[in-house]
Amino acid sequence: MTARMETFRGRQLRRELLRLREVAGLSMEDVAQRLDWSKAKISRIETGRTRVTPSDVRLLAEEYGVTDEQERQALMDLARKARRQGWWHNYARARAALTSASKR
């Protein structure tokens, strides 16, 4: 299994979600309890070990006090874009195939 490469948008989103949580004065435990999620889920989102869904982003934005609908929509759009693989993934696959073929 290959490691998932995080996109720039993914890093941007997770950093913004962390910033919003901290500005709201909430701990991971607070958010997990309010949303009935595990603390591990919050941690995986903030560290980029899992991709966050647009619907989860909406819930997080609400918990973090983001009241501006345009800002919420921008965060959800970023989540959608972050879920797409970057253009370089095709090249990484091709390189792996060529490397494998050359070793035969």
N, C-alpha and C. Protein backbone atom coordinates (compact mmCIF):
# COMPACT_ATOMS: atom_id res chain seq x y z
N MET A 1 0.84 -1.17 0.00
CA MET A 1 0.00 0.00 0.00
C MET A 1 0.89 1.24 0.00
N THR A 2 0.54 2.20 -0.82
CA THR A 2 1.33 3.43 -0.87
C THR A 2 0.76 4.45 0.10
N ALA A 3 1.62 5.31 0.57
CA ALA A 3 1.17 6.36 1.49
C ALA A 3 0.37 7.40 0.70
N ARG A 4 -0.66 7.90 1.32
CA ARG A 4 -1.48 8.93 0.69
C ARG A 4 -0.74 10.25 0.76
N MET A 5 -0.65 10.91 -0.39
CA MET A 5 0.01 12.21 -0.43
C MET A 5 -1.03 13.29 -0.15
N GLU A 6 -0.75 14.13 0.80
CA GLU A 6 -1.67 15.20 1.14
C GLU A 6 -1.52 16.34 0.13
N THR A 7 -2.64 16.91 -0.25
CA THR A 7 -2.62 18.03 -1.18
C THR A 7 -2.40 19.34 -0.43
N PHE A 8 -2.02 20.35 -1.17
CA PHE A 8 -1.87 21.68 -0.58
C PHE A 8 -3.19 22.11 0.05
N ARG A 9 -4.28 21.86 -0.67
CA ARG A 9 -5.60 22.25 -0.14
C ARG A 9 -5.93 21.51 1.14
N GLY A 10 -5.52 20.26 1.22
CA GLY A 10 -5.74 19.49 2.44
C GLY A 10 -5.01 20.09 3.63
N ARG A 11 -3.76 20.47 3.41
CA ARG A 11 -2.99 21.12 4.49
C ARG A 11 -3.62 22.45 4.87
N GLN A 12 -4.03 23.20 3.86
CA GLN A 12 -4.65 24.50 4.11
C GLN A 12 -5.92 24.33 4.94
N LEU A 13 -6.74 23.35 4.59
CA LEU A 13 -7.99 23.11 5.30
C LEU A 13 -7.74 22.68 6.73
N ARG A 14 -6.85 21.72 6.94
CA ARG A 14 -6.65 21.24 8.31
C ARG A 14 -6.05 22.32 9.20
N ARG A 15 -5.18 23.14 8.64
CA ARG A 15 -4.61 24.23 9.44
C ARG A 15 -5.68 25.25 9.81
N GLU A 16 -6.58 25.52 8.87
CA GLU A 16 -7.66 26.47 9.15
C GLU A 16 -8.63 25.90 10.19
N LEU A 17 -8.94 24.62 10.11
CA LEU A 17 -9.83 24.01 11.10
C LEU A 17 -9.19 24.04 12.49
N LEU A 18 -7.91 23.77 12.57
CA LEU A 18 -7.20 23.85 13.85
C LEU A 18 -7.24 25.28 14.38
N ARG A 19 -6.97 26.24 13.52
CA ARG A 19 -6.99 27.65 13.93
C ARG A 19 -8.37 28.04 14.44
N LEU A 20 -9.41 27.65 13.73
CA LEU A 20 -10.77 27.99 14.15
C LEU A 20 -11.12 27.36 15.50
N ARG A 21 -10.69 26.11 15.71
CA ARG A 21 -10.95 25.46 16.99
C ARG A 21 -10.25 26.20 18.13
N GLU A 22 -9.01 26.57 17.89
CA GLU A 22 -8.25 27.28 18.93
C GLU A 22 -8.84 28.65 19.21
N VAL A 23 -9.25 29.38 18.17
CA VAL A 23 -9.88 30.69 18.35
C VAL A 23 -11.18 30.56 19.14
N ALA A 24 -11.90 29.46 18.91
CA ALA A 24 -13.15 29.22 19.63
C ALA A 24 -12.90 28.81 21.08
N GLY A 25 -11.64 28.53 21.41
CA GLY A 25 -11.30 28.14 22.78
C GLY A 25 -11.75 26.73 23.13
N LEU A 26 -11.81 25.86 22.13
CA LEU A 26 -12.28 24.50 22.35
C LEU A 26 -11.13 23.51 22.28
N SER A 27 -11.18 22.51 23.13
CA SER A 27 -10.20 21.42 23.06
C SER A 27 -10.75 20.34 22.13
N MET A 28 -9.89 19.42 21.76
CA MET A 28 -10.34 18.29 20.95
C MET A 28 -11.44 17.52 21.69
N GLU A 29 -11.26 17.38 23.00
CA GLU A 29 -12.24 16.67 23.81
C GLU A 29 -13.60 17.37 23.77
N ASP A 30 -13.58 18.71 23.85
CA ASP A 30 -14.83 19.47 23.79
C ASP A 30 -15.57 19.20 22.49
N VAL A 31 -14.85 19.28 21.39
CA VAL A 31 -15.46 19.10 20.07
C VAL A 31 -15.96 17.67 19.91
N ALA A 32 -15.15 16.71 20.31
CA ALA A 32 -15.54 15.31 20.20
C ALA A 32 -16.82 15.04 20.99
N GLN A 33 -16.90 15.58 22.18
CA GLN A 33 -18.08 15.37 23.01
C GLN A 33 -19.31 16.03 22.39
N ARG A 34 -19.17 17.24 21.91
CA ARG A 34 -20.31 17.97 21.32
C ARG A 34 -20.84 17.31 20.06
N LEU A 35 -19.93 16.74 19.26
CA LEU A 35 -20.35 16.13 17.99
C LEU A 35 -20.56 14.63 18.10
N ASP A 36 -20.31 14.08 19.29
CA ASP A 36 -20.40 12.64 19.51
C ASP A 36 -19.44 11.88 18.59
N TRP A 37 -18.24 12.43 18.47
CA TRP A 37 -17.16 11.82 17.71
C TRP A 37 -16.08 11.40 18.70
N SER A 38 -15.12 10.64 18.22
CA SER A 38 -13.97 10.32 19.07
C SER A 38 -12.95 11.45 18.97
N LYS A 39 -12.16 11.58 20.03
CA LYS A 39 -11.07 12.56 20.00
C LYS A 39 -10.09 12.19 18.89
N ALA A 40 -9.94 10.89 18.65
CA ALA A 40 -9.03 10.43 17.60
C ALA A 40 -9.46 10.94 16.23
N LYS A 41 -10.76 11.03 15.99
CA LYS A 41 -11.23 11.53 14.70
C LYS A 41 -10.80 12.99 14.51
N ILE A 42 -10.96 13.79 15.55
CA ILE A 42 -10.55 15.20 15.48
C ILE A 42 -9.05 15.27 15.22
N SER A 43 -8.30 14.46 15.93
CA SER A 43 -6.84 14.45 15.77
C SER A 43 -6.45 14.04 14.35
N ARG A 44 -7.09 13.00 13.82
CA ARG A 44 -6.77 12.55 12.45
C ARG A 44 -7.08 13.63 11.42
N ILE A 45 -8.16 14.36 11.63
CA ILE A 45 -8.52 15.45 10.72
C ILE A 45 -7.45 16.55 10.79
N GLU A 46 -7.08 16.95 12.00
CA GLU A 46 -6.15 18.06 12.17
C GLU A 46 -4.72 17.72 11.79
N THR A 47 -4.37 16.44 11.80
CA THR A 47 -3.01 16.05 11.43
C THR A 47 -2.92 15.55 9.99
N GLY A 48 -4.04 15.48 9.30
CA GLY A 48 -4.04 15.07 7.91
C GLY A 48 -3.97 13.57 7.70
N ARG A 49 -4.21 12.79 8.74
CA ARG A 49 -4.18 11.33 8.58
C ARG A 49 -5.47 10.79 7.99
N THR A 50 -6.49 11.64 7.88
CA THR A 50 -7.73 11.26 7.22
C THR A 50 -8.27 12.46 6.47
N ARG A 51 -9.00 12.18 5.43
CA ARG A 51 -9.64 13.26 4.67
C ARG A 51 -10.96 13.58 5.33
N VAL A 52 -11.24 14.84 5.44
CA VAL A 52 -12.47 15.29 6.08
C VAL A 52 -13.52 15.52 5.01
N THR A 53 -14.76 15.15 5.31
CA THR A 53 -15.84 15.33 4.34
C THR A 53 -16.40 16.74 4.44
N PRO A 54 -17.00 17.23 3.37
CA PRO A 54 -17.63 18.55 3.43
C PRO A 54 -18.71 18.64 4.52
N SER A 55 -19.45 17.56 4.73
CA SER A 55 -20.49 17.60 5.78
C SER A 55 -19.85 17.68 7.17
N ASP A 56 -18.73 17.00 7.38
CA ASP A 56 -18.02 17.12 8.66
C ASP A 56 -17.48 18.54 8.84
N VAL A 57 -17.01 19.14 7.75
CA VAL A 57 -16.50 20.52 7.83
C VAL A 57 -17.62 21.47 8.23
N ARG A 58 -18.82 21.26 7.70
CA ARG A 58 -19.95 22.11 8.08
C ARG A 58 -20.22 21.99 9.58
N LEU A 59 -20.24 20.77 10.09
CA LEU A 59 -20.47 20.56 11.53
C LEU A 59 -19.38 21.23 12.37
N LEU A 60 -18.14 21.06 11.95
CA LEU A 60 -17.03 21.68 12.68
C LEU A 60 -17.14 23.20 12.65
N ALA A 61 -17.45 23.75 11.50
CA ALA A 61 -17.58 25.20 11.37
C ALA A 61 -18.67 25.73 12.30
N GLU A 62 -19.77 25.01 12.38
CA GLU A 62 -20.85 25.42 13.29
C GLU A 62 -20.38 25.40 14.73
N GLU A 63 -19.67 24.32 15.11
CA GLU A 63 -19.16 24.22 16.49
C GLU A 63 -18.15 25.31 16.79
N TYR A 64 -17.39 25.71 15.79
CA TYR A 64 -16.35 26.71 15.98
C TYR A 64 -16.88 28.12 15.88
N GLY A 65 -18.17 28.26 15.69
CA GLY A 65 -18.78 29.59 15.68
C GLY A 65 -18.65 30.34 14.37
N VAL A 66 -18.41 29.63 13.28
CA VAL A 66 -18.34 30.28 11.97
C VAL A 66 -19.79 30.54 11.53
N THR A 67 -20.19 31.80 11.59
CA THR A 67 -21.58 32.14 11.28
C THR A 67 -21.78 32.63 9.85
N ASP A 68 -20.71 33.08 9.23
CA ASP A 68 -20.79 33.58 7.85
C ASP A 68 -20.97 32.40 6.89
N GLU A 69 -22.10 32.38 6.18
CA GLU A 69 -22.39 31.27 5.27
C GLU A 69 -21.37 31.17 4.14
N GLN A 70 -20.87 32.30 3.68
CA GLN A 70 -19.85 32.26 2.62
C GLN A 70 -18.56 31.62 3.12
N GLU A 71 -18.20 31.92 4.36
CA GLU A 71 -16.99 31.31 4.93
C GLU A 71 -17.19 29.80 5.09
N ARG A 72 -18.37 29.39 5.57
CA ARG A 72 -18.65 27.96 5.70
C ARG A 72 -18.58 27.28 4.33
N GLN A 73 -19.19 27.92 3.34
CA GLN A 73 -19.20 27.35 1.99
C GLN A 73 -17.78 27.25 1.44
N ALA A 74 -16.96 28.25 1.71
CA ALA A 74 -15.57 28.22 1.25
C ALA A 74 -14.81 27.05 1.90
N LEU A 75 -15.06 26.81 3.18
CA LEU A 75 -14.42 25.68 3.86
C LEU A 75 -14.89 24.35 3.27
N MET A 76 -16.18 24.23 3.00
CA MET A 76 -16.70 22.99 2.41
C MET A 76 -16.17 22.79 0.99
N ASP A 77 -16.06 23.87 0.23
CA ASP A 77 -15.48 23.77 -1.12
C ASP A 77 -14.02 23.31 -1.04
N LEU A 78 -13.30 23.85 -0.08
CA LEU A 78 -11.91 23.44 0.12
C LEU A 78 -11.83 21.95 0.46
N ALA A 79 -12.77 21.48 1.28
CA ALA A 79 -12.80 20.05 1.63
C ALA A 79 -13.06 19.20 0.39
N ARG A 80 -13.96 19.64 -0.47
CA ARG A 80 -14.23 18.90 -1.71
C ARG A 80 -12.98 18.84 -2.58
N LYS A 81 -12.32 19.97 -2.73
CA LYS A 81 -11.12 20.03 -3.57
C LYS A 81 -9.97 19.23 -2.96
N ALA A 82 -9.88 19.23 -1.64
CA ALA A 82 -8.80 18.51 -0.96
C ALA A 82 -8.96 17.00 -1.11
N ARG A 83 -10.17 16.53 -1.35
CA ARG A 83 -10.41 15.10 -1.50
C ARG A 83 -9.97 14.58 -2.87
N ARG A 84 -9.74 15.48 -3.81
CA ARG A 84 -9.29 15.07 -5.15
C ARG A 84 -7.79 14.85 -5.13
N GLN A 85 -7.37 13.85 -5.87
CA GLN A 85 -5.93 13.61 -5.97
C GLN A 85 -5.29 14.70 -6.82
N GLY A 86 -4.08 15.05 -6.47
CA GLY A 86 -3.33 16.03 -7.25
C GLY A 86 -2.91 15.45 -8.58
N TRP A 87 -2.59 16.30 -9.51
CA TRP A 87 -2.18 15.88 -10.85
C TRP A 87 -0.96 14.98 -10.83
N TRP A 88 -0.11 15.13 -9.83
CA TRP A 88 1.13 14.38 -9.76
C TRP A 88 0.92 12.90 -9.43
N HIS A 89 -0.27 12.53 -8.95
CA HIS A 89 -0.52 11.13 -8.62
C HIS A 89 -0.38 10.24 -9.86
N ASN A 90 -0.85 10.71 -11.00
CA ASN A 90 -0.72 9.92 -12.23
C ASN A 90 0.75 9.68 -12.57
N TYR A 91 1.59 10.68 -12.38
CA TYR A 91 3.01 10.53 -12.66
C TYR A 91 3.68 9.60 -11.66
N ALA A 92 3.24 9.65 -10.41
CA ALA A 92 3.81 8.77 -9.40
C ALA A 92 3.49 7.31 -9.73
N ARG A 93 2.26 7.05 -10.18
CA ARG A 93 1.88 5.69 -10.56
C ARG A 93 2.69 5.22 -11.77
N ALA A 94 2.84 6.10 -12.76
CA ALA A 94 3.60 5.75 -13.96
C ALA A 94 5.05 5.45 -13.61
N ARG A 95 5.62 6.25 -12.74
CA ARG A 95 7.01 6.04 -12.34
C ARG A 95 7.16 4.71 -11.62
N ALA A 96 6.22 4.40 -10.73
CA ALA A 96 6.28 3.12 -10.01
C ALA A 96 6.18 1.95 -10.98
N ALA A 97 5.31 2.07 -11.98
CA ALA A 97 5.16 1.00 -12.97
C ALA A 97 6.44 0.84 -13.79
N LEU A 98 7.05 1.94 -14.19
CA LEU A 98 8.29 1.88 -14.96
C LEU A 98 9.43 1.29 -14.14
N THR A 99 9.51 1.69 -12.89
CA THR A 99 10.55 1.16 -12.01
C THR A 99 10.38 -0.34 -11.84
N SER A 100 9.15 -0.76 -11.63
CA SER A 100 8.86 -2.18 -11.46
C SER A 100 9.20 -2.96 -12.73
N ALA A 101 8.83 -2.41 -13.88
CA ALA A 101 9.09 -3.07 -15.16
C ALA A 101 10.59 -3.17 -15.44
N SER A 102 11.34 -2.16 -15.05
CA SER A 102 12.78 -2.15 -15.33
C SER A 102 13.55 -3.14 -14.46
N LYS A 103 12.95 -3.59 -13.36
CA LYS A 103 13.61 -4.53 -12.46
C LYS A 103 13.43 -5.98 -12.91
N ARG A 104 12.58 -6.18 -13.90
CA ARG A 104 12.30 -7.56 -14.35
C ARG A 104 13.38 -8.09 -15.22
